[in-house]
C-alpha atoms as a PDB file:
ATOM      1  CA  MET A   1      44.082  60.448 -98.799  1.00  0.00           C
ATOM      2  CA  LEU A   2      45.472  57.322 -97.130  1.00  0.00           C
ATOM      3  CA  ALA A   3      43.097  57.884 -94.232  1.00  0.00           C
ATOM      4  CA  ALA A   4      40.063  58.572 -96.442  1.00  0.00           C
ATOM      5  CA  ALA A   5      40.652  55.777 -98.958  1.00  0.00           C
ATOM      6  CA  GLY A   6      42.150  53.061 -96.790  1.00  0.00           C
ATOM      7  CA  GLY A   7      41.200  54.004 -93.253  1.00  0.00           C
ATOM      8  CA  ILE A   8      44.896  54.192 -92.362  1.00  0.00           C
ATOM      9  CA  GLY A   9      45.320  56.122 -89.110  1.00  0.00           C
ATOM     10  CA  GLU A  10      48.555  57.348 -87.559  1.00  0.00           C
ATOM     11  CA  PRO A  11      49.498  54.100 -85.726  1.00  0.00           C
ATOM     12  CA  GLU A  12      48.903  52.014 -88.854  1.00  0.00           C
ATOM     13  CA  LEU A  13      50.745  54.561 -90.994  1.00  0.00           C
ATOM     14  CA  GLU A  14      53.768  54.279 -88.711  1.00  0.00           C
ATOM     15  CA  ARG A  15      53.675  50.485 -88.775  1.00  0.00           C
ATOM     16  CA  LEU A  16      53.331  50.291 -92.563  1.00  0.00           C
ATOM     17  CA  GLY A  17      56.025  52.903 -93.134  1.00  0.00           C
ATOM     18  CA  ALA A  18      58.454  51.019 -90.912  1.00  0.00           C
ATOM     19  CA  HIS A  19      57.705  47.795 -92.789  1.00  0.00           C
ATOM     20  CA  VAL A  20      58.317  49.468 -96.155  1.00  0.00           C
ATOM     21  CA  ARG A  21      61.618  50.884 -94.920  1.00  0.00           C
ATOM     22  CA  ASP A  22      62.774  47.449 -93.759  1.00  0.00           C
ATOM     23  CA  ARG A  23      61.967  45.992 -97.193  1.00  0.00           C
ATOM     24  CA  VAL A  24      63.876  48.733 -99.024  1.00  0.00           C
ATOM     25  CA  ALA A  25      66.832  48.714 -96.618  1.00  0.00           C
ATOM     26  CA  ALA A  26      67.307  44.991 -97.225  1.00  0.00           C
ATOM     27  CA  GLY A  27      67.788  45.524-100.955  1.00  0.00           C
ATOM     28  CA  ALA A  28      68.928  49.147-101.269  1.00  0.00           C
ATOM     29  CA  PRO A  29      70.365  50.373 -97.955  1.00  0.00           C
ATOM     30  CA  ALA A  30      71.737  53.616 -99.427  1.00  0.00           C
ATOM     31  CA  LEU A  31      68.238  54.616-100.591  1.00  0.00           C
ATOM     32  CA  ALA A  32      66.863  53.871 -97.129  1.00  0.00           C
ATOM     33  CA  GLU A  33      69.446  56.196 -95.604  1.00  0.00           C
ATOM     34  CA  GLU A  34      68.731  58.851 -98.227  1.00  0.00           C
ATOM     35  CA  LEU A  35      64.989  58.906 -97.580  1.00  0.00           C
ATOM     36  CA  ASP A  36      65.570  59.002 -93.827  1.00  0.00           C
ATOM     37  CA  GLY A  37      67.749  62.060 -94.473  1.00  0.00           C
ATOM     38  CA  ILE A  38      65.078  63.720 -96.632  1.00  0.00           C
ATOM     39  CA  ALA A  39      62.511  63.188 -93.864  1.00  0.00           C
ATOM     40  CA  ASP A  40      64.898  64.590 -91.255  1.00  0.00           C
ATOM     41  CA  GLY A  41      65.701  67.639 -93.375  1.00  0.00           C
ATOM     42  CA  ALA A  42      62.016  68.285 -94.031  1.00  0.00           C
ATOM     43  CA  GLY A  43      61.080  67.849 -90.387  1.00  0.00           C
ATOM     44  CA  VAL A  44      58.575  65.063 -91.032  1.00  0.00           C
ATOM     45  CA  ALA A  45      58.281  61.565 -89.625  1.00  0.00           C
ATOM     46  CA  ALA A  46      60.358  59.122 -91.671  1.00  0.00           C
ATOM     47  CA  THR A  47      57.700  56.412 -91.327  1.00  0.00           C
ATOM     48  CA  ALA A  48      55.088  58.721 -92.872  1.00  0.00           C
ATOM     49  CA  LEU A  49      57.394  59.523 -95.794  1.00  0.00           C
ATOM     50  CA  TRP A  50      58.093  55.835 -96.327  1.00  0.00           C
ATOM     51  CA  ALA A  51      54.351  55.199 -96.480  1.00  0.00           C
ATOM     52  CA  VAL A  52      53.993  57.959 -99.077  1.00  0.00           C
ATOM     53  CA  ASN A  53      56.722  56.333-101.186  1.00  0.00           C
ATOM     54  CA  ALA A  54      54.589  53.183-101.107  1.00  0.00           C
ATOM     55  CA  ARG A  55      51.345  55.006-101.803  1.00  0.00           C
ATOM     56  CA  THR A  56      50.751  53.000-104.994  1.00  0.00           C
ATOM     57  CA  GLU A  57      50.842  49.819-102.935  1.00  0.00           C
ATOM     58  CA  LEU A  58      48.636  51.296-100.178  1.00  0.00           C
ATOM     59  CA  LEU A  59      46.087  53.103-102.364  1.00  0.00           C
ATOM     60  CA  GLY A  60      46.082  51.095-105.582  1.00  0.00           C
ATOM     61  CA  GLY A  61      45.898  52.565-109.068  1.00  0.00           C
ATOM     62  CA  SER A  62      42.932  54.056-110.909  1.00  0.00           C
ATOM     63  CA  GLY A  63      42.092  55.273-114.402  1.00  0.00           C
ATOM     64  CA  GLU A  64      45.017  57.640-114.852  1.00  0.00           C
ATOM     65  CA  CYS A  65      48.091  58.237-117.064  1.00  0.00           C
ATOM     66  CA  SER A  66      48.504  57.639-120.795  1.00  0.00           C
ATOM     67  CA  LEU A  67      51.785  56.848-122.559  1.00  0.00           C
ATOM     68  CA  ILE A  68      53.072  56.711-126.138  1.00  0.00           C
ATOM     69  CA  GLY A  69      56.369  55.039-126.988  1.00  0.00           C
ATOM     70  CA  ARG A  70      57.954  55.235-130.440  1.00  0.00           C
ATOM     71  CA  LEU A  71      60.808  53.132-131.810  1.00  0.00           C
ATOM     72  CA  ASP A  72      62.272  54.043-135.191  1.00  0.00           C
ATOM     73  CA  GLY A  73      65.600  52.448-136.028  1.00  0.00           C
ATOM     74  CA  ALA A  74      68.190  53.829-133.634  1.00  0.00           C
ATOM     75  CA  SER A  75      65.762  56.449-132.288  1.00  0.00           C
ATOM     76  CA  VAL A  76      63.385  55.911-129.383  1.00  0.00           C
ATOM     77  CA  ARG A  77      61.282  58.227-127.257  1.00  0.00           C
ATOM     78  CA  LEU A  78      58.504  58.281-124.675  1.00  0.00           C
ATOM     79  CA  ALA A  79      55.675  60.768-124.235  1.00  0.00           C
ATOM     80  CA  GLN A  80      53.307  60.643-121.295  1.00  0.00           C
ATOM     81  CA  ASN A  81      50.565  62.451-119.412  1.00  0.00           C
ATOM     82  CA  TRP A  82      50.880  62.092-115.645  1.00  0.00           C
ATOM     83  CA  ASP A  83      47.463  62.285-113.973  1.00  0.00           C
ATOM     84  CA  TRP A  84      47.083  62.613-110.231  1.00  0.00           C
ATOM     85  CA  HIS A  85      45.060  64.460-107.601  1.00  0.00           C
ATOM     86  CA  PRO A  86      44.935  68.188-108.491  1.00  0.00           C
ATOM     87  CA  ASP A  87      45.683  69.212-104.879  1.00  0.00           C
ATOM     88  CA  LEU A  88      49.125  67.625-105.296  1.00  0.00           C
ATOM     89  CA  ALA A  89      50.187  69.871-108.188  1.00  0.00           C
ATOM     90  CA  PRO A  90      52.425  71.987-105.873  1.00  0.00           C
ATOM     91  CA  SER A  91      54.452  68.867-105.006  1.00  0.00           C
ATOM     92  CA  ARG A  92      55.819  68.457-108.555  1.00  0.00           C
ATOM     93  CA  VAL A  93      59.613  68.361-108.692  1.00  0.00           C
ATOM     94  CA  ILE A  94      62.156  67.983-111.497  1.00  0.00           C
ATOM     95  CA  TRP A  95      65.224  66.581-109.805  1.00  0.00           C
ATOM     96  CA  THR A  96      68.699  65.895-111.265  1.00  0.00           C
ATOM     97  CA  ILE A  97      71.217  63.819-109.322  1.00  0.00           C
ATOM     98  CA  GLU A  98      74.835  63.452-110.427  1.00  0.00           C
ATOM     99  CA  HIS A  99      76.363  60.323-108.930  1.00  0.00           C
ATOM    100  CA  ASP A 100      79.368  58.083-109.642  1.00  0.00           C
ATOM    101  CA  GLY A 101      80.309  59.914-112.838  1.00  0.00           C
ATOM    102  CA  THR A 102      76.856  59.874-114.391  1.00  0.00           C
ATOM    103  CA  TRP A 103      73.436  61.449-113.749  1.00  0.00           C
ATOM    104  CA  PHE A 104      69.704  60.992-113.915  1.00  0.00           C
ATOM    105  CA  THR A 105      66.786  63.419-114.055  1.00  0.00           C
ATOM    106  CA  THR A 106      63.377  62.458-112.708  1.00  0.00           C
ATOM    107  CA  VAL A 107      60.029  64.208-112.756  1.00  0.00           C
ATOM    108  CA  THR A 108      58.589  63.205-109.403  1.00  0.00           C
ATOM    109  CA  GLU A 109      56.951  64.563-106.254  1.00  0.00           C
ATOM    110  CA  ALA A 110      58.677  66.157-103.286  1.00  0.00           C
ATOM    111  CA  GLY A 111      59.783  63.364-100.965  1.00  0.00           C
ATOM    112  CA  ILE A 112      59.295  60.548-103.495  1.00  0.00           C
ATOM    113  CA  LEU A 113      62.548  58.981-104.682  1.00  0.00           C
ATOM    114  CA  ALA A 114      61.751  58.923-108.424  1.00  0.00           C
ATOM    115  CA  LYS A 115      59.056  58.568-111.046  1.00  0.00           C
ATOM    116  CA  LEU A 116      59.396  59.393-114.755  1.00  0.00           C
ATOM    117  CA  GLY A 117      62.707  60.355-116.298  1.00  0.00           C
ATOM    118  CA  LEU A 118      65.966  59.496-118.020  1.00  0.00           C
ATOM    119  CA  ASN A 119      69.637  58.974-117.233  1.00  0.00           C
ATOM    120  CA  GLY A 120      72.957  59.831-118.823  1.00  0.00           C
ATOM    121  CA  ARG A 121      73.415  56.299-120.149  1.00  0.00           C
ATOM    122  CA  GLY A 122      70.615  56.396-122.719  1.00  0.00           C
ATOM    123  CA  LEU A 123      67.771  54.988-120.634  1.00  0.00           C
ATOM    124  CA  ALA A 124      64.301  56.456-119.998  1.00  0.00           C
ATOM    125  CA  CYS A 125      61.238  55.202-118.138  1.00  0.00           C
ATOM    126  CA  GLY A 126      57.503  55.913-117.953  1.00  0.00           C
ATOM    127  CA  LEU A 127      54.796  54.655-115.600  1.00  0.00           C
ATOM    128  CA  ASN A 128      51.175  53.526-115.835  1.00  0.00           C
ATOM    129  CA  PHE A 129      49.189  52.217-112.874  1.00  0.00           C
ATOM    130  CA  LEU A 130      47.489  48.844-113.279  1.00  0.00           C
ATOM    131  CA  THR A 131      45.283  46.771-110.979  1.00  0.00           C
ATOM    132  CA  SER A 132      45.073  43.000-110.599  1.00  0.00           C
ATOM    133  CA  SER A 133      43.036  40.784-108.291  1.00  0.00           C
ATOM    134  CA  VAL A 134      46.197  39.583-106.518  1.00  0.00           C
ATOM    135  CA  ASP A 135      47.379  43.068-105.490  1.00  0.00           C
ATOM    136  CA  GLY A 136      47.705  43.891-101.814  1.00  0.00           C
ATOM    137  CA  GLY A 137      50.046  44.515 -98.912  1.00  0.00           C
ATOM    138  CA  THR A 138      53.524  46.002 -98.728  1.00  0.00           C
ATOM    139  CA  GLY A 139      55.549  42.815 -99.125  1.00  0.00           C
ATOM    140  CA  GLY A 140      57.224  43.785-102.385  1.00  0.00           C
ATOM    141  CA  MET A 141      59.506  46.571-103.539  1.00  0.00           C
ATOM    142  CA  PRO A 142      57.570  49.864-103.986  1.00  0.00           C
ATOM    143  CA  VAL A 143      57.297  50.856-107.625  1.00  0.00           C
ATOM    144  CA  HIS A 144      58.736  54.324-106.958  1.00  0.00           C
ATOM    145  CA  VAL A 145      61.823  52.709-105.446  1.00  0.00           C
ATOM    146  CA  LEU A 146      62.118  50.487-108.532  1.00  0.00           C
ATOM    147  CA  LEU A 147      61.921  53.560-110.767  1.00  0.00           C
ATOM    148  CA  ARG A 148      64.758  55.149-108.790  1.00  0.00           C
ATOM    149  CA  ARG A 149      66.868  52.011-109.132  1.00  0.00           C
ATOM    150  CA  VAL A 150      66.237  51.890-112.886  1.00  0.00           C
ATOM    151  CA  LEU A 151      67.382  55.474-113.343  1.00  0.00           C
ATOM    152  CA  GLN A 152      70.299  55.385-110.895  1.00  0.00           C
ATOM    153  CA  ASP A 153      71.686  51.873-111.208  1.00  0.00           C
ATOM    154  CA  CYS A 154      70.957  50.679-114.759  1.00  0.00           C
ATOM    155  CA  GLY A 155      73.381  51.401-117.585  1.00  0.00           C
ATOM    156  CA  SER A 156      71.407  49.733-120.368  1.00  0.00           C
ATOM    157  CA  LEU A 157      67.981  48.545-121.417  1.00  0.00           C
ATOM    158  CA  ALA A 158      69.019  44.960-120.651  1.00  0.00           C
ATOM    159  CA  ASP A 159      70.095  45.954-117.120  1.00  0.00           C
ATOM    160  CA  ALA A 160      66.751  47.626-116.437  1.00  0.00           C
ATOM    161  CA  LEU A 161      64.733  44.777-117.913  1.00  0.00           C
ATOM    162  CA  GLY A 162      66.572  42.248-115.766  1.00  0.00           C
ATOM    163  CA  LEU A 163      66.070  44.337-112.630  1.00  0.00           C
ATOM    164  CA  LEU A 164      62.318  44.588-113.165  1.00  0.00           C
ATOM    165  CA  LEU A 165      61.827  40.950-114.181  1.00  0.00           C
ATOM    166  CA  ARG A 166      63.445  39.875-110.897  1.00  0.00           C
ATOM    167  CA  ALA A 167      61.642  42.390-108.666  1.00  0.00           C
ATOM    168  CA  PRO A 168      58.949  41.185-106.246  1.00  0.00           C
ATOM    169  CA  VAL A 169      56.036  43.629-106.092  1.00  0.00           C
ATOM    170  CA  ALA A 170      52.818  43.956-104.087  1.00  0.00           C
ATOM    171  CA  ALA A 171      50.917  46.185-106.536  1.00  0.00           C
ATOM    172  CA  SER A 172      50.529  46.181-110.296  1.00  0.00           C
ATOM    173  CA  SER A 173      51.990  48.792-112.644  1.00  0.00           C
ATOM    174  CA  CYS A 174      53.657  49.077-116.026  1.00  0.00           C
ATOM    175  CA  ILE A 175      57.138  50.568-116.257  1.00  0.00           C
ATOM    176  CA  THR A 176      57.914  51.323-119.897  1.00  0.00           C
ATOM    177  CA  LEU A 177      61.615  51.301-120.740  1.00  0.00           C
ATOM    178  CA  ALA A 178      63.207  53.102-123.684  1.00  0.00           C
ATOM    179  CA  GLY A 179      66.896  52.490-124.304  1.00  0.00           C
ATOM    180  CA  ALA A 180      69.152  54.187-126.868  1.00  0.00           C
ATOM    181  CA  GLU A 181      72.566  52.681-127.617  1.00  0.00           C
ATOM    182  CA  ALA A 182      75.335  53.613-130.034  1.00  0.00           C
ATOM    183  CA  GLU A 183      73.683  52.311-133.203  1.00  0.00           C
ATOM    184  CA  ASP A 184      70.317  50.946-132.128  1.00  0.00           C
ATOM    185  CA  ALA A 185      67.468  51.292-129.630  1.00  0.00           C
ATOM    186  CA  GLY A 186      64.769  49.297-127.865  1.00  0.00           C
ATOM    187  CA  LEU A 187      61.353  49.761-126.265  1.00  0.00           C
ATOM    188  CA  VAL A 188      59.373  47.488-123.930  1.00  0.00           C
ATOM    189  CA  GLY A 189      56.659  47.774-121.304  1.00  0.00           C
ATOM    190  CA  VAL A 190      57.220  45.653-118.174  1.00  0.00           C
ATOM    191  CA  GLU A 191      53.835  44.925-116.614  1.00  0.00           C
ATOM    192  CA  LEU A 192      54.526  44.143-112.979  1.00  0.00           C
ATOM    193  CA  SER A 193      52.111  42.288-110.711  1.00  0.00           C
ATOM    194  CA  PRO A 194      52.398  40.149-107.562  1.00  0.00           C
ATOM    195  CA  GLY A 195      51.797  37.057-109.713  1.00  0.00           C
ATOM    196  CA  GLY A 196      54.813  37.812-111.907  1.00  0.00           C
ATOM    197  CA  PRO A 197      55.745  40.106-114.821  1.00  0.00           C
ATOM    198  CA  ALA A 198      54.340  40.286-118.339  1.00  0.00           C
ATOM    199  CA  LEU A 199      55.789  42.151-121.315  1.00  0.00           C
ATOM    200  CA  ALA A 200      54.228  44.577-123.797  1.00  0.00           C
ATOM    201  CA  TRP A 201      56.096  45.164-127.066  1.00  0.00           C
ATOM    202  CA  PRO A 202      55.723  47.828-129.773  1.00  0.00           C
ATOM    203  CA  ASP A 203      53.428  47.166-132.710  1.00  0.00           C
ATOM    204  CA  GLY A 204      54.863  46.365-136.121  1.00  0.00           C
ATOM    205  CA  ASP A 205      55.247  50.083-136.797  1.00  0.00           C
ATOM    206  CA  GLY A 206      57.289  50.595-133.626  1.00  0.00           C
ATOM    207  CA  VAL A 207      54.539  52.197-131.520  1.00  0.00           C
ATOM    208  CA  LEU A 208      53.659  51.149-127.970  1.00  0.00           C
ATOM    209  CA  VAL A 209      50.596  52.828-126.437  1.00  0.00           C
ATOM    210  CA  HIS A 210      49.779  52.061-122.803  1.00  0.00           C
ATOM    211  CA  THR A 211      47.008  53.233-120.509  1.00  0.00           C
ATOM    212  CA  ASN A 212      45.783  51.354-117.402  1.00  0.00           C
ATOM    213  CA  HIS A 213      45.035  47.790-118.464  1.00  0.00           C
ATOM    214  CA  PHE A 214      47.358  44.856-119.082  1.00  0.00           C
ATOM    215  CA  LEU A 215      48.427  44.200-122.664  1.00  0.00           C
ATOM    216  CA  GLY A 216      50.362  41.020-121.887  1.00  0.00           C
ATOM    217  CA  GLU A 217      48.973  37.843-120.354  1.00  0.00           C
ATOM    218  CA  LEU A 218      48.734  37.972-116.570  1.00  0.00           C
ATOM    219  CA  PRO A 219      50.642  35.090-114.919  1.00  0.00           C
ATOM    220  CA  ALA A 220      48.111  35.050-112.046  1.00  0.00           C
ATOM    221  CA  GLY A 221      44.879  36.802-111.140  1.00  0.00           C
ATOM    222  CA  THR A 222      42.701  38.981-113.341  1.00  0.00           C
ATOM    223  CA  ASP A 223      42.907  42.521-114.690  1.00  0.00           C
ATOM    224  CA  GLU A 224      40.492  44.693-112.694  1.00  0.00           C
ATOM    225  CA  GLN A 225      40.838  47.998-114.548  1.00  0.00           C
ATOM    226  CA  PRO A 226      38.634  47.410-117.627  1.00  0.00           C
ATOM    227  CA  ALA A 227      35.549  46.623-115.538  1.00  0.00           C
ATOM    228  CA  GLU A 228      36.136  49.456-113.046  1.00  0.00           C
ATOM    229  CA  HIS A 229      37.521  52.043-115.484  1.00  0.00           C
ATOM    230  CA  PRO A 230      36.504  51.015-119.036  1.00  0.00           C
ATOM    231  CA  ALA A 231      37.778  54.337-120.374  1.00  0.00           C
ATOM    232  CA  THR A 232      41.282  52.840-120.282  1.00  0.00           C
ATOM    233  CA  LEU A 233      40.332  50.719-123.310  1.00  0.00           C
ATOM    234  CA  LEU A 234      38.923  53.697-125.196  1.00  0.00           C
ATOM    235  CA  ARG A 235      41.894  55.945-124.353  1.00  0.00           C
ATOM    236  CA  ARG A 236      44.364  53.439-125.722  1.00  0.00           C
ATOM    237  CA  ALA A 237      42.347  52.827-128.888  1.00  0.00           C
ATOM    238  CA  ARG A 238      41.963  56.558-129.513  1.00  0.00           C
ATOM    239  CA  LEU A 239      45.652  57.301-128.965  1.00  0.00           C
ATOM    240  CA  ARG A 240      46.622  54.441-131.241  1.00  0.00           C
ATOM    241  CA  GLU A 241      44.333  55.791-133.964  1.00  0.00           C
ATOM    242  CA  LEU A 242      45.674  59.330-133.603  1.00  0.00           C
ATOM    243  CA  VAL A 243      49.226  58.058-133.918  1.00  0.00           C
ATOM    244  CA  ARG A 244      48.283  55.931-136.937  1.00  0.00           C
ATOM    245  CA  ARG A 245      46.874  59.032-138.630  1.00  0.00           C
ATOM    246  CA  GLY A 246      50.128  60.898-138.090  1.00  0.00           C
ATOM    247  CA  ALA A 247      49.332  63.013-135.039  1.00  0.00           C
ATOM    248  CA  GLY A 248      52.367  64.092-133.042  1.00  0.00           C
ATOM    249  CA  ASP A 249      52.682  63.015-129.446  1.00  0.00           C
ATOM    250  CA  GLU A 250      51.863  66.470-128.066  1.00  0.00           C
ATOM    251  CA  ARG A 251      48.662  66.687-130.083  1.00  0.00           C
ATOM    252  CA  ALA A 252      47.627  63.141-129.236  1.00  0.00           C
ATOM    253  CA  LEU A 253      48.156  63.681-125.508  1.00  0.00           C
ATOM    254  CA  ALA A 254      45.918  66.795-125.649  1.00  0.00           C
ATOM    255  CA  CYS A 255      42.926  64.639-126.635  1.00  0.00           C
ATOM    256  CA  HIS A 256      39.800  65.055-124.461  1.00  0.00           C
ATOM    257  CA  PHE A 257      38.276  61.676-125.304  1.00  0.00           C
ATOM    258  CA  PRO A 258      36.688  59.742-123.635  1.00  0.00           C
ATOM    259  CA  ARG A 259      34.619  61.233-120.851  1.00  0.00           C
ATOM    260  CA  PRO A 260      34.775  61.087-117.865  1.00  0.00           C
ATOM    261  CA  GLU A 261      38.426  59.862-117.925  1.00  0.00           C
ATOM    262  CA  PRO A 262      40.008  61.426-121.015  1.00  0.00           C
ATOM    263  CA  VAL A 263      43.623  61.387-122.123  1.00  0.00           C
ATOM    264  CA  CYS A 264      44.014  65.060-121.148  1.00  0.00           C
ATOM    265  CA  ARG A 265      42.239  65.583-117.832  1.00  0.00           C
ATOM    266  CA  HIS A 266      41.051  68.709-116.036  1.00  0.00           C
ATOM    267  CA  ALA A 267      40.029  68.984-112.392  1.00  0.00           C
ATOM    268  CA  ASP A 268      36.281  68.703-111.862  1.00  0.00           C
ATOM    269  CA  GLN A 269      35.066  70.188-108.582  1.00  0.00           C
ATOM    270  CA  ALA A 270      31.781  68.292-108.944  1.00  0.00           C
ATOM    271  CA  VAL A 271      33.631  64.990-108.488  1.00  0.00           C
ATOM    272  CA  GLU A 272      34.051  63.649-104.960  1.00  0.00           C
ATOM    273  CA  TRP A 273      37.324  64.951-103.504  1.00  0.00           C
ATOM    274  CA  LEU A 274      38.983  61.556-103.208  1.00  0.00           C
ATOM    275  CA  GLU A 275      38.275  60.703-106.858  1.00  0.00           C
ATOM    276  CA  ARG A 276      39.421  63.960-108.457  1.00  0.00           C
ATOM    277  CA  ARG A 277      42.152  63.678-111.088  1.00  0.00           C
ATOM    278  CA  ALA A 278      43.859  66.064-113.489  1.00  0.00           C
ATOM    279  CA  THR A 279      46.811  65.971-115.854  1.00  0.00           C
ATOM    280  CA  LEU A 280      49.430  67.575-113.618  1.00  0.00           C
ATOM    281  CA  LEU A 281      52.107  67.449-116.295  1.00  0.00           C
ATOM    282  CA  SER A 282      52.990  66.002-119.669  1.00  0.00           C
ATOM    283  CA  LEU A 283      56.471  65.134-120.880  1.00  0.00           C
ATOM    284  CA  VAL A 284      58.366  64.034-123.974  1.00  0.00           C
ATOM    285  CA  VAL A 285      61.721  62.346-123.413  1.00  0.00           C
ATOM    286  CA  ASP A 286      64.400  61.259-125.893  1.00  0.00           C
ATOM    287  CA  PRO A 287      67.096  59.288-124.034  1.00  0.00           C
ATOM    288  CA  GLY A 288      69.461  59.245-126.988  1.00  0.00           C
ATOM    289  CA  ALA A 289      69.687  63.010-127.532  1.00  0.00           C
ATOM    290  CA  PRO A 290      69.281  63.323-124.500  1.00  0.00           C
ATOM    291  CA  SER A 291      66.358  65.714-124.125  1.00  0.00           C
ATOM    292  CA  LEU A 292      63.373  66.225-121.842  1.00  0.00           C
ATOM    293  CA  ARG A 293      60.471  68.593-122.434  1.00  0.00           C
ATOM    294  CA  VAL A 294      57.749  69.130-119.831  1.00  0.00           C
ATOM    295  CA  ALA A 295      54.341  70.844-119.899  1.00  0.00           C
ATOM    296  CA  GLN A 296      53.467  71.810-116.339  1.00  0.00           C
ATOM    297  CA  GLY A 297      49.763  71.101-116.716  1.00  0.00           C
ATOM    298  CA  PRO A 298      47.265  69.757-119.258  1.00  0.00           C
ATOM    299  CA  PRO A 299      49.024  69.785-122.656  1.00  0.00           C
ATOM    300  CA  CYS A 300      45.981  71.236-124.421  1.00  0.00           C
ATOM    301  CA  VAL A 301      46.704  74.624-122.791  1.00  0.00           C
ATOM    302  CA  THR A 302      50.277  74.317-121.468  1.00  0.00           C
ATOM    303  CA  PRO A 303      53.394  74.660-123.659  1.00  0.00           C
ATOM    304  CA  TYR A 304      56.198  72.132-123.465  1.00  0.00           C
ATOM    305  CA  GLU A 305      59.437  73.631-122.195  1.00  0.00           C
ATOM    306  CA  PRO A 306      62.928  72.082-122.377  1.00  0.00           C
ATOM    307  CA  VAL A 307      64.510  70.940-119.115  1.00  0.00           C
ATOM    308  CA  PRO A 308      68.274  71.631-118.808  1.00  0.00           C
ATOM    309  CA  LEU A 309      70.181  68.360-118.568  1.00  0.00           C
ATOM    310  CA  PRO A 310      73.830  67.473-117.877  1.00  0.00           C
ATOM    311  CA  ARG A 311      75.669  66.329-120.991  1.00  0.00           C
ATOM    312  CA  ALA A 312      75.525  62.612-121.728  1.00  0.00           C
END
């Protein structure tokens, strides 16, 4: 995919992977050592695996992934469809790491440090890809590394928000944070871009719906998704309306509107290989309970199953 979309051959892949590793090692040396170990254990080149961990930065985002966040008093939860290339369905991994007296569980891909998930300190995160006109290069911290740091290192919503607001990035994305504390909870979307972060907050009824366009004001550049993938606007409006009418998250995320980039996506063999997308999984996470339920495919036909978690 990197070769087909970006013309990145083996020499360039090695150079970019080495550059990404240097960036990560400067800020998170233990993660650099860990990924080197994963590559060694898998018998693959570490530089190639580093490039894959920065695939968002190298490939850019497209019209994929839909998220619903709900905040109700001391209760908060996230529900999300994760859309990606259907050929990558076998790479799906649910991974729990117990470390320094606590734990986190992430739904990710084999070889990628983290993606969606929650930790034992009441924090959960979701992800939507965005695109701005100032995206490009590998000079920032890869978003998948940031997701790992949120889940592993952050003990509160404030910790995670501070980490993301300070993080330099080379590609745009929205990391939605849901934090449950002893008697209260919070929810915020952190829209990252090379020009600086923006914030997306829940509506007055405590609902935050995010697809693939910016909701906050971009500090620099322009939002490129609406013109290239206008379905992102329709997906968000439809999800918001379904929620307003009382639809549960599972039902809303099974919606097949709008074509050709619906909320719940199915692989279409008529689409050019590089552009194919499908909903590879859907999840509902409650960081306060804590609980995680995952549908291993499009939620319209796949039941949600509970994932065993360590006790909080």
